[in-house]
Amino acid sequence: MNTPIAERPLLGSRKIHAADTTFRISLHVAGALVVVVLLSILAIMFIGGKLAFDTFGLGFIWGTEWNPVTQVYGALPAITGTLVTAVLALCIAWPIGFGIAFFLTEICPEKLRTPLGVAIELLAAVPSIVYGMWGFFVLAPFMSEYVQPWLTNVFIWIPPIGDSFFWFTAPPIGVGMLTAALILAIMILPFIAATTRDVLLSTPQLLKDGAYAMGATRWEALTGVVIPAVRGSLFGAVFLGLGRALGETMAVVFVIGNAIRMPDSVMAPSATIASVVANSFPEAEPGTLDLAVLLGLGFILFVVSFGVLAVARVLLRQERMS
């Protein structure tokens, strides 16, 4: 008697099922491993910096004095320098990155899109220490000789800016937060441009064709159709660039001036959390308050950077699901 085809056991079905189960388990293990590593890093930073939080309390975050001699530490100058340089870099890089992405997707000739895109993405392959050396030996002298004196002469006469906390009056020494922001802007530009280009390419072509068919210009199609359709993803690209700028170390160490004090100008020397840790870590001995302070700074930077990147991922995911 012949057995129906549907009832016949498939050859090798058990092996296929076992392989599929093994593959599924390995994927779960790999995903869990990432979470475990992140939580381990966070726990190690928190435990190592607990002495600093126990000694200064929340005043460690809001304190403005940094004096290793008297063992008084406040993280606010480093936090301020980190946020100001990252935001300034973002304000510089995002319009340029968006313009590059729009040019590559809408205006650039087809034969040049791939070479230009690869050239821009190659900026991300340049080591950060190379950016730092170029910034110190080339950009900083240019800033001190031309840019900073011009900014001082122009903005000192504008009361809302000249009298504000971050005024544009400072000795033109070249290094400072503005120079560091320019270096960071160059470094995050390929990330923003590449992400924005992918976002613009994901816009349904029918929407753009419909706008052009109704007589819309490129600018009208961009502002009226493309941007509203991918608004969340564009913000995600911005946050990805911000997360990259927050944690940069070596390039910033070269050009920010490494002065751990509250800045009174965007052109004045300052410090970031990453630069403070990089400069002070070799001298910190295990078990001391100095090392605990640095680990506490690392914990703060980790939380801020992780939060920024998490927001970026949520925005990108929501846009893809919509």
Protein backbone atom coordinates (compact mmCIF):
# COMPACT_ATOMS: atom_id res chain seq x y z
CA MET A 1 0.00 0.00 0.00
CA ASN A 2 1.39 3.36 -1.02
CA THR A 3 1.76 6.03 1.68
CA PRO A 4 0.35 9.43 0.72
CA ILE A 5 3.02 12.02 -0.12
CA ALA A 6 1.80 14.38 2.60
CA GLU A 7 2.32 11.69 5.26
CA ARG A 8 5.81 10.68 4.19
CA PRO A 9 8.60 11.96 6.49
CA LEU A 10 10.94 14.43 4.82
CA LEU A 11 14.50 13.19 4.43
CA GLY A 12 16.80 15.02 6.80
CA SER A 13 13.93 16.91 8.48
CA ARG A 14 15.32 16.23 11.93
CA LYS A 15 18.71 17.56 10.94
CA ILE A 16 17.14 20.67 9.42
CA HIS A 17 15.04 21.24 12.53
CA ALA A 18 18.09 20.83 14.79
CA ALA A 19 20.15 23.23 12.68
CA ASP A 20 17.36 25.81 12.72
CA THR A 21 17.03 25.51 16.50
CA THR A 22 20.79 25.85 16.98
CA PHE A 23 20.88 28.89 14.72
CA ARG A 24 17.99 30.52 16.61
CA ILE A 25 19.64 29.87 19.97
CA SER A 26 22.97 31.28 18.76
CA LEU A 27 21.25 34.46 17.63
CA HIS A 28 19.58 34.88 21.01
CA VAL A 29 22.91 34.32 22.75
CA ALA A 30 24.63 36.89 20.52
CA GLY A 31 21.93 39.47 21.22
CA ALA A 32 22.01 38.78 24.95
CA LEU A 33 25.81 39.02 24.95
CA VAL A 34 25.64 42.60 23.66
CA VAL A 35 23.22 43.57 26.42
CA VAL A 36 25.38 41.86 29.06
CA VAL A 37 28.50 43.67 27.86
CA LEU A 38 26.75 47.06 27.92
CA LEU A 39 25.34 46.48 31.38
CA SER A 40 28.72 45.24 32.59
CA ILE A 41 30.46 48.38 31.34
CA LEU A 42 27.79 50.55 32.95
CA ALA A 43 28.06 48.68 36.25
CA ILE A 44 31.87 48.83 36.30
CA MET A 45 31.85 52.57 35.63
CA PHE A 46 29.24 53.18 38.30
CA ILE A 47 30.94 51.01 40.93
CA GLY A 48 34.32 52.55 40.17
CA GLY A 49 32.92 56.10 40.39
CA LYS A 50 30.76 55.46 43.45
CA LEU A 51 33.41 56.95 45.73
CA ALA A 52 33.17 60.26 43.87
CA PHE A 53 29.38 60.36 44.17
CA ASP A 54 29.57 59.36 47.84
CA THR A 55 32.11 62.10 48.54
CA PHE A 56 30.50 64.99 46.66
CA GLY A 57 26.93 63.77 46.17
CA LEU A 58 25.01 65.37 43.32
CA GLY A 59 27.34 68.34 43.76
CA PHE A 60 29.82 66.33 41.75
CA ILE A 61 27.63 66.88 38.68
CA TRP A 62 26.86 70.55 39.34
CA GLY A 63 30.18 71.58 40.89
CA THR A 64 32.32 74.07 38.95
CA GLU A 65 35.63 73.76 40.80
CA TRP A 66 38.27 71.31 39.66
CA ASN A 67 41.30 71.28 41.93
CA PRO A 68 43.31 68.04 42.21
CA VAL A 69 45.54 69.60 44.88
CA THR A 70 42.69 70.13 47.36
CA GLN A 71 40.79 67.05 46.12
CA VAL A 72 37.76 69.11 45.11
CA TYR A 73 36.15 68.02 41.87
CA GLY A 74 33.16 69.32 39.93
CA ALA A 75 32.09 67.83 36.63
CA LEU A 76 30.08 70.76 35.28
CA PRO A 77 32.98 72.40 33.34
CA ALA A 78 33.69 69.14 31.51
CA ILE A 79 29.99 68.46 30.92
CA THR A 80 29.51 72.00 29.59
CA GLY A 81 32.49 71.71 27.26
CA THR A 82 31.24 68.36 25.98
CA LEU A 83 27.73 69.59 25.25
CA VAL A 84 28.77 72.94 23.75
CA THR A 85 31.35 71.50 21.37
CA ALA A 86 29.01 68.68 20.30
CA VAL A 87 26.06 71.02 19.68
CA LEU A 88 28.21 73.53 17.79
CA ALA A 89 29.63 70.72 15.66
CA LEU A 90 26.13 69.50 14.94
CA CYS A 91 24.94 72.98 13.94
CA ILE A 92 27.84 73.19 11.50
CA ALA A 93 27.77 69.65 10.11
CA TRP A 94 24.06 68.96 9.75
CA PRO A 95 23.18 71.65 7.13
CA ILE A 96 26.26 70.69 5.11
CA GLY A 97 25.56 66.98 5.44
CA PHE A 98 21.94 67.45 4.44
CA GLY A 99 22.98 69.51 1.42
CA ILE A 100 25.47 66.84 0.36
CA ALA A 101 22.86 64.10 0.74
CA PHE A 102 20.26 66.02 -1.27
CA PHE A 103 22.81 66.80 -3.98
CA LEU A 104 23.82 63.14 -4.28
CA THR A 105 20.25 61.87 -4.44
CA GLU A 106 18.56 64.51 -6.60
CA ILE A 107 21.01 66.71 -8.52
CA CYS A 108 24.31 64.91 -8.95
CA PRO A 109 24.83 63.13 -12.31
CA GLU A 110 24.39 59.38 -12.10
CA LYS A 111 28.03 58.62 -12.96
CA LEU A 112 29.36 60.82 -10.15
CA ARG A 113 27.04 59.71 -7.34
CA THR A 114 28.98 56.62 -6.35
CA PRO A 115 32.52 58.15 -6.49
CA LEU A 116 31.46 61.26 -4.57
CA GLY A 117 29.56 59.20 -2.02
CA VAL A 118 32.58 56.96 -1.44
CA ALA A 119 34.88 59.99 -1.15
CA ILE A 120 32.68 61.54 1.52
CA GLU A 121 32.39 58.28 3.44
CA LEU A 122 36.19 57.92 3.38
CA LEU A 123 36.36 60.88 5.77
CA ALA A 124 35.12 58.49 8.44
CA ALA A 125 38.17 56.27 7.87
CA VAL A 126 40.68 58.99 8.78
CA PRO A 127 42.06 58.34 12.30
CA SER A 128 40.99 60.87 14.90
CA ILE A 129 44.58 61.61 15.87
CA VAL A 130 45.24 62.72 12.29
CA TYR A 131 42.34 65.16 12.55
CA GLY A 132 43.79 66.38 15.84
CA MET A 133 47.25 66.97 14.44
CA TRP A 134 45.83 68.74 11.39
CA GLY A 135 43.66 70.86 13.65
CA PHE A 136 46.56 71.82 15.91
CA PHE A 137 49.11 72.62 13.20
CA VAL A 138 46.84 73.99 10.46
CA LEU A 139 43.38 74.94 11.71
CA ALA A 140 44.36 76.49 15.05
CA PRO A 141 46.86 78.98 13.53
CA PHE A 142 44.30 79.91 10.88
CA MET A 143 41.66 80.46 13.55
CA SER A 144 43.95 82.63 15.68
CA GLU A 145 45.08 84.78 12.78
CA TYR A 146 41.90 85.26 10.79
CA VAL A 147 38.68 83.77 12.20
CA GLN A 148 38.78 84.64 15.91
CA PRO A 149 39.78 88.32 15.46
CA TRP A 150 37.04 88.73 12.86
CA LEU A 151 34.41 87.16 15.11
CA THR A 152 35.45 89.37 17.99
CA ASN A 153 35.24 92.54 15.89
CA VAL A 154 31.84 91.60 14.47
CA PHE A 155 29.95 90.19 17.45
CA ILE A 156 31.29 92.39 20.23
CA TRP A 157 28.96 95.17 19.01
CA ILE A 158 25.84 92.99 19.25
CA PRO A 159 24.61 93.25 22.88
CA PRO A 160 22.56 90.01 23.02
CA ILE A 161 25.63 88.06 21.88
CA GLY A 162 28.53 90.17 23.06
CA ASP A 163 27.17 90.38 26.63
CA SER A 164 25.98 86.79 26.88
CA PHE A 165 27.66 83.92 28.70
CA PHE A 166 29.19 82.44 25.58
CA TRP A 167 30.41 85.67 24.05
CA PHE A 168 32.86 85.96 21.17
CA THR A 169 35.53 87.93 23.03
CA ALA A 170 38.58 85.87 23.93
CA PRO A 171 42.32 86.00 23.25
CA PRO A 172 42.90 84.72 19.70
CA ILE A 173 45.09 81.78 20.64
CA GLY A 174 43.56 79.40 18.12
CA VAL A 175 42.65 76.50 20.40
CA GLY A 176 39.29 76.45 22.13
CA MET A 177 35.76 75.12 21.92
CA LEU A 178 35.05 76.64 18.51
CA THR A 179 38.13 75.02 16.97
CA ALA A 180 37.22 71.70 18.58
CA ALA A 181 33.67 72.06 17.23
CA LEU A 182 34.99 72.57 13.70
CA ILE A 183 37.11 69.43 13.95
CA LEU A 184 34.16 67.46 15.29
CA ALA A 185 31.95 68.81 12.51
CA ILE A 186 34.36 67.43 9.90
CA MET A 187 34.48 64.09 11.70
CA ILE A 188 30.71 63.60 11.99
CA LEU A 189 29.95 64.96 8.52
CA PRO A 190 30.27 61.58 6.71
CA PHE A 191 27.97 59.88 9.25
CA ILE A 192 25.27 62.52 8.87
CA ALA A 193 25.61 62.69 5.07
CA ALA A 194 25.51 58.90 4.60
CA THR A 195 22.54 58.41 6.94
CA THR A 196 20.62 61.32 5.43
CA ARG A 197 21.29 60.03 1.92
CA ASP A 198 19.87 56.63 2.84
CA VAL A 199 16.85 58.31 4.36
CA LEU A 200 16.21 60.42 1.26
CA LEU A 201 16.59 57.36 -0.97
CA SER A 202 13.94 55.59 1.11
CA THR A 203 11.33 58.21 0.18
CA PRO A 204 8.76 56.66 -2.20
CA GLN A 205 9.51 57.81 -5.73
CA LEU A 206 5.79 58.14 -6.45
CA LEU A 207 5.53 60.99 -3.94
CA LYS A 208 8.31 62.95 -5.63
CA ASP A 209 7.01 62.19 -9.11
CA GLY A 210 3.57 63.39 -8.07
CA ALA A 211 5.00 66.64 -6.75
CA TYR A 212 6.99 67.23 -9.95
CA ALA A 213 3.92 66.38 -12.05
CA MET A 214 1.99 69.11 -10.24
CA GLY A 215 4.65 71.65 -11.19
CA ALA A 216 6.62 71.69 -7.93
CA THR A 217 10.25 72.75 -8.00
CA ARG A 218 13.00 70.71 -6.36
CA TRP A 219 12.84 72.97 -3.30
CA GLU A 220 9.06 72.67 -3.07
CA ALA A 221 9.22 68.89 -3.47
CA LEU A 222 11.90 68.72 -0.78
CA THR A 223 10.13 70.90 1.79
CA GLY A 224 6.58 69.82 0.98
CA VAL A 225 6.94 66.10 0.26
CA VAL A 226 10.32 64.58 1.12
CA ILE A 227 11.03 66.16 4.52
CA PRO A 228 7.51 65.57 5.94
CA ALA A 229 7.71 61.95 4.81
CA VAL A 230 11.06 61.21 6.51
CA ARG A 231 11.11 63.78 9.31
CA GLY A 232 11.71 61.26 12.07
CA SER A 233 14.59 59.59 10.25
CA LEU A 234 16.23 62.96 9.63
CA PHE A 235 16.18 63.65 13.35
CA GLY A 236 17.64 60.19 13.86
CA ALA A 237 20.58 61.10 11.63
CA VAL A 238 21.11 64.26 13.68
CA PHE A 239 21.18 62.31 16.93
CA LEU A 240 23.58 59.76 15.49
CA GLY A 241 25.99 62.57 14.63
CA LEU A 242 25.54 64.06 18.10
CA GLY A 243 26.32 60.73 19.73
CA ARG A 244 29.51 60.46 17.66
CA ALA A 245 30.60 63.96 18.66
CA LEU A 246 29.99 63.48 22.38
CA GLY A 247 32.55 60.72 22.80
CA GLU A 248 35.39 61.88 20.57
CA THR A 249 38.69 62.08 22.46
CA MET A 250 42.05 62.42 20.71
CA ALA A 251 41.11 65.02 18.13
CA VAL A 252 39.51 67.17 20.83
CA VAL A 253 42.52 66.85 23.15
CA PHE A 254 44.73 68.50 20.54
CA VAL A 255 42.62 71.59 19.89
CA ILE A 256 40.34 72.37 22.85
CA GLY A 257 43.01 73.78 25.16
CA ASN A 258 42.34 71.39 28.09
CA ALA A 259 41.43 74.10 30.62
CA ILE A 260 39.06 72.57 33.18
CA ARG A 261 37.02 75.65 34.06
CA MET A 262 33.67 77.12 33.16
CA PRO A 263 34.13 78.70 29.73
CA ASP A 264 33.29 82.36 29.22
CA SER A 265 33.52 82.25 25.44
CA VAL A 266 33.06 79.73 22.66
CA MET A 267 36.59 80.61 21.55
CA ALA A 268 38.15 80.11 24.99
CA PRO A 269 40.03 76.96 25.99
CA SER A 270 37.91 74.40 27.77
CA ALA A 271 37.72 70.64 28.26
CA THR A 272 35.36 67.77 27.57
CA ILE A 273 34.70 64.68 29.63
CA ALA A 274 36.68 62.54 27.20
CA SER A 275 39.65 64.94 27.15
CA VAL A 276 39.74 65.16 30.95
CA VAL A 277 39.77 61.38 31.28
CA ALA A 278 42.45 60.99 28.59
CA ASN A 279 44.74 63.59 30.16
CA SER A 280 44.28 62.60 33.81
CA PHE A 281 43.94 58.83 33.67
CA PRO A 282 47.69 57.99 33.47
CA GLU A 283 48.28 59.82 36.78
CA ALA A 284 45.33 58.32 38.67
CA GLU A 285 46.25 55.51 41.03
CA PRO A 286 43.91 52.59 41.76
CA GLY A 287 41.68 53.01 44.79
CA THR A 288 42.08 56.79 44.98
CA LEU A 289 39.51 59.54 44.68
CA ASP A 290 41.20 60.75 41.50
CA LEU A 291 40.45 57.49 39.71
CA ALA A 292 36.91 57.39 41.11
CA VAL A 293 36.27 60.88 39.73
CA LEU A 294 37.43 59.85 36.27
CA LEU A 295 35.29 56.72 36.34
CA GLY A 296 32.36 58.84 37.49
CA LEU A 297 32.91 61.14 34.51
CA GLY A 298 33.00 58.09 32.27
CA PHE A 299 29.71 56.92 33.75
CA ILE A 300 28.08 60.28 33.02
CA LEU A 301 29.40 60.28 29.45
CA PHE A 302 28.23 56.70 28.91
CA VAL A 303 24.71 57.51 30.09
CA VAL A 304 24.47 60.67 27.96
CA SER A 305 25.87 59.00 24.82
CA PHE A 306 23.74 55.89 25.24
CA GLY A 307 20.63 58.01 25.72
CA VAL A 308 21.33 60.06 22.60
CA LEU A 309 21.93 56.97 20.47
CA ALA A 310 18.84 55.25 21.89
CA VAL A 311 16.70 58.25 20.89
CA ALA A 312 18.22 58.13 17.40
CA ARG A 313 17.44 54.44 16.99
CA VAL A 314 13.86 54.93 18.17
CA LEU A 315 13.30 57.75 15.69
CA LEU A 316 14.76 55.74 12.81
CA ARG A 317 12.73 52.67 13.71
CA GLN A 318 9.47 54.61 14.00
CA GLU A 319 10.06 56.14 10.58
CA ARG A 320 10.70 52.75 8.98
CA MET A 321 7.55 51.32 10.56
CA SER A 322 5.37 54.25 9.47
